[in-house]
């Protein structure tokens, strides 16, 4: 998977002077490089922790998959927190709308 992502990010070399396309490709390449670097670092750290705890070296070909699973887990955790925040905003919005509707209905009865 990592090889596919990196190969996709590299893609064909654009013609000189294409400007925005080159900047977009460079940005995409930098994002993928950062994500791969983070995943590899997290996998190495986890492998070192496992080696410290159980005194067994994990195979090197497990480092990247472990790192990507850690990265996906973190992304899911962030998405879950964001989902809860959005629900709080939606609930607060409905409460405020209900209060506004109630005030509009009661206004003629309050003499205002």
Protein backbone atom coordinates (compact mmCIF):
# COMPACT_ATOMS: atom_id res chain seq x y z
CA UNK A 1 0.00 0.00 0.00
CA UNK A 2 2.79 2.39 0.92
CA UNK A 3 4.54 1.78 -2.39
CA UNK A 4 1.30 2.47 -4.29
CA UNK A 5 0.68 5.72 -2.41
CA UNK A 6 4.23 6.89 -2.96
CA UNK A 7 4.16 5.91 -6.63
CA UNK A 8 0.81 7.68 -7.04
CA UNK A 9 2.20 10.81 -5.37
CA UNK A 10 5.23 10.81 -7.66
CA UNK A 11 3.25 10.36 -10.87
CA UNK A 12 4.58 11.59 -14.19
CA UNK A 13 6.75 14.68 -14.25
CA UNK A 14 4.59 17.67 -15.25
CA UNK A 15 5.53 19.99 -18.08
CA UNK A 16 7.41 23.12 -17.04
CA UNK A 17 5.20 26.11 -16.44
CA UNK A 18 2.06 24.22 -15.37
CA UNK A 19 2.20 26.13 -12.06
CA UNK A 20 -0.83 25.16 -9.99
CA UNK A 21 -0.66 21.52 -11.04
CA UNK A 22 2.97 21.31 -9.92
CA UNK A 23 2.24 23.02 -6.60
CA UNK A 24 -0.71 20.73 -5.97
CA UNK A 25 1.37 17.65 -6.77
CA UNK A 26 4.18 18.89 -4.50
CA UNK A 27 1.70 19.50 -1.69
CA UNK A 28 0.19 16.03 -2.17
CA UNK A 29 3.69 14.52 -2.18
CA UNK A 30 4.62 16.37 1.03
CA UNK A 31 1.42 15.25 2.77
CA UNK A 32 1.98 11.61 1.82
CA UNK A 33 5.64 11.82 2.83
CA UNK A 34 4.67 13.26 6.21
CA UNK A 35 2.01 10.59 6.79
CA UNK A 36 4.42 7.82 5.81
CA UNK A 37 7.17 9.27 8.02
CA UNK A 38 4.80 9.55 10.97
CA UNK A 39 3.48 6.00 10.45
CA UNK A 40 7.00 4.59 10.14
CA UNK A 41 8.14 6.45 13.26
CA UNK A 42 5.09 5.23 15.23
CA UNK A 43 5.71 1.67 14.03
CA UNK A 44 9.36 1.83 15.08
CA UNK A 45 8.42 3.21 18.48
CA UNK A 46 5.84 0.46 18.98
CA UNK A 47 8.30 -2.21 17.87
CA UNK A 48 10.86 -0.87 20.36
CA UNK A 49 8.26 -0.90 23.14
CA UNK A 50 7.33 -4.49 22.30
CA UNK A 51 11.01 -5.43 22.30
CA UNK A 52 11.44 -3.80 25.71
CA UNK A 53 8.40 -5.51 27.22
CA UNK A 54 8.68 -9.04 25.83
CA UNK A 55 12.37 -9.08 24.88
CA UNK A 56 11.62 -10.06 21.29
CA UNK A 57 12.45 -8.12 18.13
CA UNK A 58 9.53 -7.80 15.74
CA UNK A 59 10.27 -8.44 12.06
CA UNK A 60 11.12 -5.27 10.16
CA UNK A 61 8.30 -5.84 7.68
CA UNK A 62 5.76 -5.34 10.49
CA UNK A 63 6.91 -1.81 11.35
CA UNK A 64 5.03 -0.01 8.55
CA UNK A 65 1.73 -1.91 8.95
CA UNK A 66 1.76 -1.29 12.70
CA UNK A 67 2.48 2.39 12.09
CA UNK A 68 -0.33 2.76 9.57
CA UNK A 69 -2.77 1.05 11.94
CA UNK A 70 -1.73 3.50 14.65
CA UNK A 71 -2.25 6.40 12.23
CA UNK A 72 -5.71 5.13 11.23
CA UNK A 73 -6.62 4.63 14.89
CA UNK A 74 -5.64 8.22 15.67
CA UNK A 75 -7.64 9.51 12.70
CA UNK A 76 -10.70 7.56 13.88
CA UNK A 77 -10.31 8.96 17.39
CA UNK A 78 -10.12 12.52 16.05
CA UNK A 79 -13.14 11.88 13.84
CA UNK A 80 -15.09 10.54 16.82
CA UNK A 81 -14.30 13.64 18.89
CA UNK A 82 -15.25 15.88 15.96
CA UNK A 83 -18.50 13.96 15.55
CA UNK A 84 -19.41 14.55 19.21
CA UNK A 85 -18.60 18.26 18.92
CA UNK A 86 -20.80 18.55 15.82
CA UNK A 87 -23.65 16.81 17.65
CA UNK A 88 -23.32 19.26 20.54
CA UNK A 89 -23.49 22.20 18.11
CA UNK A 90 -26.53 20.70 16.35
CA UNK A 91 -28.33 20.08 19.66
CA UNK A 92 -27.54 23.60 20.87
CA UNK A 93 -28.81 24.99 17.56
CA UNK A 94 -32.13 23.13 17.83
CA UNK A 95 -32.56 24.26 21.44
CA UNK A 96 -31.96 27.88 20.45
CA UNK A 97 -34.37 27.58 17.51
CA UNK A 98 -37.02 26.08 19.82
CA UNK A 99 -36.57 28.95 22.28
CA UNK A 100 -36.86 31.49 19.45
CA UNK A 101 -40.04 29.86 18.13
CA UNK A 102 -41.51 29.75 21.64
CA UNK A 103 -40.73 33.45 22.14
CA UNK A 104 -42.29 34.33 18.78
CA UNK A 105 -45.45 32.41 19.68
CA UNK A 106 -45.66 33.89 23.17
CA UNK A 107 -44.85 37.48 22.17
CA UNK A 108 -48.46 38.48 21.28
CA UNK A 109 -49.63 37.05 24.60
CA UNK A 110 -46.98 38.95 26.58
CA UNK A 111 -48.21 42.30 25.36
CA UNK A 112 -45.08 43.08 23.37
